[in-house]
PDB file of N, CA and C in Angstrom:
ATOM      1  N   UNK A   1      21.798  -3.867  41.542  1.00  0.00           N
ATOM      2  CA  UNK A   1      22.772  -3.249  40.642  1.00  0.00           C
ATOM      3  C   UNK A   1      22.178  -1.972  40.033  1.00  0.00           C
ATOM      4  N   UNK A   2      23.029  -1.163  39.517  1.00  0.00           N
ATOM      5  CA  UNK A   2      22.581   0.072  38.877  1.00  0.00           C
ATOM      6  C   UNK A   2      21.701  -0.231  37.665  1.00  0.00           C
ATOM      7  N   UNK A   3      22.083  -1.268  36.906  1.00  0.00           N
ATOM      8  CA  UNK A   3      21.286  -1.633  35.727  1.00  0.00           C
ATOM      9  C   UNK A   3      19.877  -2.040  36.113  1.00  0.00           C
ATOM     10  N   UNK A   4      19.749  -2.817  37.192  1.00  0.00           N
ATOM     11  CA  UNK A   4      18.426  -3.248  37.631  1.00  0.00           C
ATOM     12  C   UNK A   4      17.610  -2.065  38.134  1.00  0.00           C
ATOM     13  N   UNK A   5      18.235  -1.187  38.891  1.00  0.00           N
ATOM     14  CA  UNK A   5      17.541   0.013  39.399  1.00  0.00           C
ATOM     15  C   UNK A   5      17.031   0.854  38.229  1.00  0.00           C
ATOM     16  N   UNK A   6      17.852   1.029  37.208  1.00  0.00           N
ATOM     17  CA  UNK A   6      17.431   1.804  36.036  1.00  0.00           C
ATOM     18  C   UNK A   6      16.275   1.131  35.300  1.00  0.00           C
ATOM     19  N   UNK A   7      16.350  -0.194  35.171  1.00  0.00           N
ATOM     20  CA  UNK A   7      15.252  -0.932  34.522  1.00  0.00           C
ATOM     21  C   UNK A   7      13.976  -0.782  35.323  1.00  0.00           C
ATOM     22  N   UNK A   8      14.071  -0.894  36.647  1.00  0.00           N
ATOM     23  CA  UNK A   8      12.905  -0.770  37.517  1.00  0.00           C
ATOM     24  C   UNK A   8      12.317   0.629  37.449  1.00  0.00           C
ATOM     25  N   UNK A   9      13.161   1.636  37.456  1.00  0.00           N
ATOM     26  CA  UNK A   9      12.675   3.018  37.373  1.00  0.00           C
ATOM     27  C   UNK A   9      12.015   3.306  36.019  1.00  0.00           C
ATOM     28  N   UNK A  10      12.464   2.624  34.998  1.00  0.00           N
ATOM     29  CA  UNK A  10      11.894   2.824  33.658  1.00  0.00           C
ATOM     30  C   UNK A  10      10.617   2.035  33.428  1.00  0.00           C
ATOM     31  N   UNK A  11      10.268   1.161  34.353  1.00  0.00           N
ATOM     32  CA  UNK A  11       9.054   0.354  34.222  1.00  0.00           C
ATOM     33  C   UNK A  11       7.909   1.152  34.817  1.00  0.00           C
ATOM     34  N   UNK A  12       7.114   1.779  33.949  1.00  0.00           N
ATOM     35  CA  UNK A  12       6.142   2.755  34.428  1.00  0.00           C
ATOM     36  C   UNK A  12       4.703   2.234  34.507  1.00  0.00           C
ATOM     37  N   UNK A  13       4.559   0.970  34.850  1.00  0.00           N
ATOM     38  CA  UNK A  13       3.220   0.396  35.010  1.00  0.00           C
ATOM     39  C   UNK A  13       3.298  -0.752  36.020  1.00  0.00           C
ATOM     40  N   UNK A  14       2.153  -1.287  36.406  1.00  0.00           N
ATOM     41  CA  UNK A  14       2.161  -2.440  37.299  1.00  0.00           C
ATOM     42  C   UNK A  14       2.656  -3.653  36.513  1.00  0.00           C
ATOM     43  N   UNK A  15       3.399  -4.488  37.169  1.00  0.00           N
ATOM     44  CA  UNK A  15       3.941  -5.687  36.533  1.00  0.00           C
ATOM     45  C   UNK A  15       2.929  -6.835  36.659  1.00  0.00           C
ATOM     46  N   UNK A  16       1.807  -6.683  35.971  1.00  0.00           N
ATOM     47  CA  UNK A  16       0.757  -7.698  35.971  1.00  0.00           C
ATOM     48  C   UNK A  16       0.532  -8.179  34.537  1.00  0.00           C
ATOM     49  N   UNK A  17       0.325  -9.495  34.406  1.00  0.00           N
ATOM     50  CA  UNK A  17       0.065 -10.049  33.075  1.00  0.00           C
ATOM     51  C   UNK A  17      -0.668 -11.366  33.220  1.00  0.00           C
ATOM     52  N   UNK A  18      -1.602 -11.601  32.358  1.00  0.00           N
ATOM     53  CA  UNK A  18      -2.289 -12.889  32.280  1.00  0.00           C
ATOM     54  C   UNK A  18      -1.931 -13.539  30.955  1.00  0.00           C
ATOM     55  N   UNK A  19      -1.282 -14.667  31.017  1.00  0.00           N
ATOM     56  CA  UNK A  19      -0.937 -15.404  29.801  1.00  0.00           C
ATOM     57  C   UNK A  19      -2.196 -15.948  29.149  1.00  0.00           C
ATOM     58  N   UNK A  20      -3.150 -16.353  30.001  1.00  0.00           N
ATOM     59  CA  UNK A  20      -4.402 -16.893  29.507  1.00  0.00           C
ATOM     60  C   UNK A  20      -5.543 -16.377  30.382  1.00  0.00           C
ATOM     61  N   UNK A  21      -6.623 -16.035  29.721  1.00  0.00           N
ATOM     62  CA  UNK A  21      -7.836 -15.586  30.419  1.00  0.00           C
ATOM     63  C   UNK A  21      -9.008 -16.389  29.881  1.00  0.00           C
ATOM     64  N   UNK A  22      -9.776 -16.999  30.775  1.00  0.00           N
ATOM     65  CA  UNK A  22     -10.928 -17.804  30.371  1.00  0.00           C
ATOM     66  C   UNK A  22     -12.124 -17.415  31.200  1.00  0.00           C
ATOM     67  N   UNK A  23     -13.261 -17.249  30.554  1.00  0.00           N
ATOM     68  CA  UNK A  23     -14.500 -16.953  31.268  1.00  0.00           C
ATOM     69  C   UNK A  23     -15.679 -17.437  30.447  1.00  0.00           C
ATOM     70  N   UNK A  24     -16.810 -17.482  31.123  1.00  0.00           N
ATOM     71  CA  UNK A  24     -18.068 -17.825  30.446  1.00  0.00           C
ATOM     72  C   UNK A  24     -18.809 -16.518  30.159  1.00  0.00           C
ATOM     73  N   UNK A  25     -19.268 -16.380  28.928  1.00  0.00           N
ATOM     74  CA  UNK A  25     -20.013 -15.196  28.533  1.00  0.00           C
ATOM     75  C   UNK A  25     -21.282 -15.120  29.391  1.00  0.00           C
ATOM     76  N   UNK A  26     -21.562 -13.980  30.002  1.00  0.00           N
ATOM     77  CA  UNK A  26     -22.680 -13.890  30.947  1.00  0.00           C
ATOM     78  C   UNK A  26     -24.054 -14.091  30.309  1.00  0.00           C
ATOM     79  N   UNK A  27     -24.180 -13.882  29.026  1.00  0.00           N
ATOM     80  CA  UNK A  27     -25.489 -14.041  28.382  1.00  0.00           C
ATOM     81  C   UNK A  27     -25.586 -15.391  27.662  1.00  0.00           C
ATOM     82  N   UNK A  28     -24.593 -15.699  26.819  1.00  0.00           N
ATOM     83  CA  UNK A  28     -24.679 -16.924  26.011  1.00  0.00           C
ATOM     84  C   UNK A  28     -24.214 -18.164  26.783  1.00  0.00           C
ATOM     85  N   UNK A  29     -23.398 -17.957  27.807  1.00  0.00           N
ATOM     86  CA  UNK A  29     -22.858 -19.096  28.555  1.00  0.00           C
ATOM     87  C   UNK A  29     -21.712 -19.795  27.837  1.00  0.00           C
ATOM     88  N   UNK A  30     -21.324 -19.279  26.688  1.00  0.00           N
ATOM     89  CA  UNK A  30     -20.211 -19.869  25.924  1.00  0.00           C
ATOM     90  C   UNK A  30     -18.901 -19.544  26.620  1.00  0.00           C
ATOM     91  N   UNK A  31     -18.048 -20.588  26.735  1.00  0.00           N
ATOM     92  CA  UNK A  31     -16.734 -20.379  27.315  1.00  0.00           C
ATOM     93  C   UNK A  31     -15.859 -19.650  26.296  1.00  0.00           C
ATOM     94  N   UNK A  32     -15.207 -18.590  26.757  1.00  0.00           N
ATOM     95  CA  UNK A  32     -14.346 -17.792  25.897  1.00  0.00           C
ATOM     96  C   UNK A  32     -12.945 -17.822  26.492  1.00  0.00           C
ATOM     97  N   UNK A  33     -11.941 -17.778  25.608  1.00  0.00           N
ATOM     98  CA  UNK A  33     -10.558 -17.868  26.079  1.00  0.00           C
ATOM     99  C   UNK A  33      -9.658 -17.011  25.203  1.00  0.00           C
ATOM    100  N   UNK A  34      -8.747 -16.314  25.846  1.00  0.00           N
ATOM    101  CA  UNK A  34      -7.778 -15.469  25.159  1.00  0.00           C
ATOM    102  C   UNK A  34      -6.369 -15.798  25.666  1.00  0.00           C
ATOM    103  N   UNK A  35      -5.403 -15.695  24.770  1.00  0.00           N
ATOM    104  CA  UNK A  35      -3.991 -15.923  25.122  1.00  0.00           C
ATOM    105  C   UNK A  35      -3.187 -14.700  24.695  1.00  0.00           C
ATOM    106  N   UNK A  36      -2.199 -14.366  25.487  1.00  0.00           N
ATOM    107  CA  UNK A  36      -1.349 -13.211  25.165  1.00  0.00           C
ATOM    108  C   UNK A  36       0.090 -13.511  25.582  1.00  0.00           C
ATOM    109  N   UNK A  37       1.043 -13.254  24.723  1.00  0.00           N
ATOM    110  CA  UNK A  37       2.447 -13.445  25.095  1.00  0.00           C
ATOM    111  C   UNK A  37       2.886 -12.405  26.127  1.00  0.00           C
ATOM    112  N   UNK A  38       3.957 -12.699  26.805  1.00  0.00           N
ATOM    113  CA  UNK A  38       4.509 -11.766  27.750  1.00  0.00           C
ATOM    114  C   UNK A  38       5.022 -10.531  27.005  1.00  0.00           C
ATOM    115  N   UNK A  39       4.625  -9.337  27.422  1.00  0.00           N
ATOM    116  CA  UNK A  39       5.095  -8.119  26.741  1.00  0.00           C
ATOM    117  C   UNK A  39       6.622  -7.959  26.895  1.00  0.00           C
ATOM    118  N   UNK A  40       7.235  -7.345  25.895  1.00  0.00           N
ATOM    119  CA  UNK A  40       8.687  -7.214  25.894  1.00  0.00           C
ATOM    120  C   UNK A  40       9.212  -6.467  27.128  1.00  0.00           C
ATOM    121  N   UNK A  41       8.480  -5.464  27.604  1.00  0.00           N
ATOM    122  CA  UNK A  41       8.967  -4.740  28.787  1.00  0.00           C
ATOM    123  C   UNK A  41       9.003  -5.651  30.009  1.00  0.00           C
ATOM    124  N   UNK A  42       8.080  -6.607  30.093  1.00  0.00           N
ATOM    125  CA  UNK A  42       8.113  -7.552  31.219  1.00  0.00           C
ATOM    126  C   UNK A  42       9.240  -8.560  31.038  1.00  0.00           C
ATOM    127  N   UNK A  43       9.476  -8.998  29.811  1.00  0.00           N
ATOM    128  CA  UNK A  43      10.617  -9.881  29.544  1.00  0.00           C
ATOM    129  C   UNK A  43      11.905  -9.199  29.966  1.00  0.00           C
ATOM    130  N   UNK A  44      12.052  -7.925  29.615  1.00  0.00           N
ATOM    131  CA  UNK A  44      13.240  -7.159  29.986  1.00  0.00           C
ATOM    132  C   UNK A  44      13.362  -7.037  31.507  1.00  0.00           C
ATOM    133  N   UNK A  45      12.247  -6.793  32.177  1.00  0.00           N
ATOM    134  CA  UNK A  45      12.252  -6.663  33.630  1.00  0.00           C
ATOM    135  C   UNK A  45      12.656  -7.998  34.287  1.00  0.00           C
ATOM    136  N   UNK A  46      12.103  -9.100  33.831  1.00  0.00           N
ATOM    137  CA  UNK A  46      12.439 -10.415  34.376  1.00  0.00           C
ATOM    138  C   UNK A  46      13.904 -10.724  34.142  1.00  0.00           C
ATOM    139  N   UNK A  47      14.404 -10.433  32.937  1.00  0.00           N
ATOM    140  CA  UNK A  47      15.821 -10.677  32.648  1.00  0.00           C
ATOM    141  C   UNK A  47      16.736  -9.819  33.528  1.00  0.00           C
ATOM    142  N   UNK A  48      16.351  -8.576  33.768  1.00  0.00           N
ATOM    143  CA  UNK A  48      17.151  -7.717  34.645  1.00  0.00           C
ATOM    144  C   UNK A  48      17.133  -8.245  36.074  1.00  0.00           C
ATOM    145  N   UNK A  49      15.993  -8.747  36.523  1.00  0.00           N
ATOM    146  CA  UNK A  49      15.895  -9.319  37.880  1.00  0.00           C
ATOM    147  C   UNK A  49      16.741 -10.587  37.996  1.00  0.00           C
ATOM    148  N   UNK A  50      16.712 -11.422  36.969  1.00  0.00           N
ATOM    149  CA  UNK A  50      17.544 -12.636  36.972  1.00  0.00           C
ATOM    150  C   UNK A  50      19.027 -12.284  37.023  1.00  0.00           C
ATOM    151  N   UNK A  51      19.440 -11.313  36.224  1.00  0.00           N
ATOM    152  CA  UNK A  51      20.847 -10.892  36.198  1.00  0.00           C
ATOM    153  C   UNK A  51      21.254 -10.303  37.548  1.00  0.00           C
ATOM    154  N   UNK A  52      20.385  -9.504  38.141  1.00  0.00           N
ATOM    155  CA  UNK A  52      20.683  -8.896  39.442  1.00  0.00           C
ATOM    156  C   UNK A  52      20.771  -9.982  40.526  1.00  0.00           C
ATOM    157  N   UNK A  53      19.863 -10.935  40.473  1.00  0.00           N
ATOM    158  CA  UNK A  53      19.877 -12.031  41.451  1.00  0.00           C
ATOM    159  C   UNK A  53      21.171 -12.838  41.323  1.00  0.00           C
ATOM    160  N   UNK A  54      21.576 -13.121  40.095  1.00  0.00           N
ATOM    161  CA  UNK A  54      22.804 -13.867  39.864  1.00  0.00           C
ATOM    162  C   UNK A  54      24.016 -13.081  40.367  1.00  0.00           C
ATOM    163  N   UNK A  55      24.040 -11.784  40.096  1.00  0.00           N
ATOM    164  CA  UNK A  55      25.162 -10.938  40.495  1.00  0.00           C
ATOM    165  C   UNK A  55      25.303 -10.864  42.023  1.00  0.00           C
ATOM    166  N   UNK A  56      24.200 -10.848  42.726  1.00  0.00           N
ATOM    167  CA  UNK A  56      24.226 -10.661  44.187  1.00  0.00           C
ATOM    168  C   UNK A  56      23.806 -11.897  44.966  1.00  0.00           C
ATOM    169  N   UNK A  57      23.864 -13.085  44.343  1.00  0.00           N
ATOM    170  CA  UNK A  57      23.366 -14.286  45.012  1.00  0.00           C
ATOM    171  C   UNK A  57      24.140 -14.614  46.280  1.00  0.00           C
ATOM    172  N   UNK A  58      25.405 -14.245  46.361  1.00  0.00           N
ATOM    173  CA  UNK A  58      26.199 -14.533  47.562  1.00  0.00           C
ATOM    174  C   UNK A  58      25.778 -13.649  48.735  1.00  0.00           C
ATOM    175  N   UNK A  59      25.104 -12.539  48.458  1.00  0.00           N
ATOM    176  CA  UNK A  59      24.692 -11.620  49.509  1.00  0.00           C
ATOM    177  C   UNK A  59      23.261 -11.874  49.996  1.00  0.00           C
ATOM    178  N   UNK A  60      22.580 -12.818  49.340  1.00  0.00           N
ATOM    179  CA  UNK A  60      21.190 -13.091  49.715  1.00  0.00           C
ATOM    180  C   UNK A  60      21.118 -14.119  50.834  1.00  0.00           C
ATOM    181  N   UNK A  61      20.236 -13.867  51.758  1.00  0.00           N
ATOM    182  CA  UNK A  61      20.084 -14.768  52.910  1.00  0.00           C
ATOM    183  C   UNK A  61      18.728 -15.461  52.812  1.00  0.00           C
ATOM    184  N   UNK A  62      18.656 -16.503  52.015  1.00  0.00           N
ATOM    185  CA  UNK A  62      17.413 -17.236  51.805  1.00  0.00           C
ATOM    186  C   UNK A  62      17.450 -18.475  52.616  1.00  0.00           C
TER     187      UNK A  62
END
């Protein structure tokens, strides 16, 4: 759809995100962990993709 194309064109970075990252500190050996929510621009991109998929589901050959 035009709305999805516009959303995609406006997304000016790679669509990569880690909800959780865990590693062991290389010196202390302590396990460290960070959590981050999904950024709003990714939420918007996912919602646009869902809407586009729903709109064109009859045309998809899965």
